[in-house]
Amino acid sequence: MIIKHHKPIVIPVVINGFSKAFNKTGVTLRKKGTLLTVTFKDPLEIDYDASALEITEQLMDAIEQSKKFMPEVLTADRQ
C-alpha cells in the first residue's frame, strides 16, 4: 500500500454533495447547480505498522465514506 510505504501526511477532504452532482466515476456531471461544500480536516495520525485494511478503514472514516456514515435507509437494505 502506498501510504504504508511512503508514510505521507494525510489530510482528509470531505466533499458534501459530490454524489448528487457527479456520476460514480466523478467525471460526468449528473445535476447542475448542486451545492458542493468542501471540508478540510486535521491531518490523520496513522499507525504505519497497522495492516493495510486498518489504515483503509481509518481513511474511509476520516472522509466519511465508511458504513457508519451511510444513511440509515441504505444500511437497512444491506443487512
Foldseek 3Di string as FASTA:
>chain_A
DVCLVPVDFDKAKAKPQQVVQAPPVSPDGDDPPTDIDIDIHHTDDDDSVDDPVVRVVVNCVRRQNDPVNDPPVVVVVVD
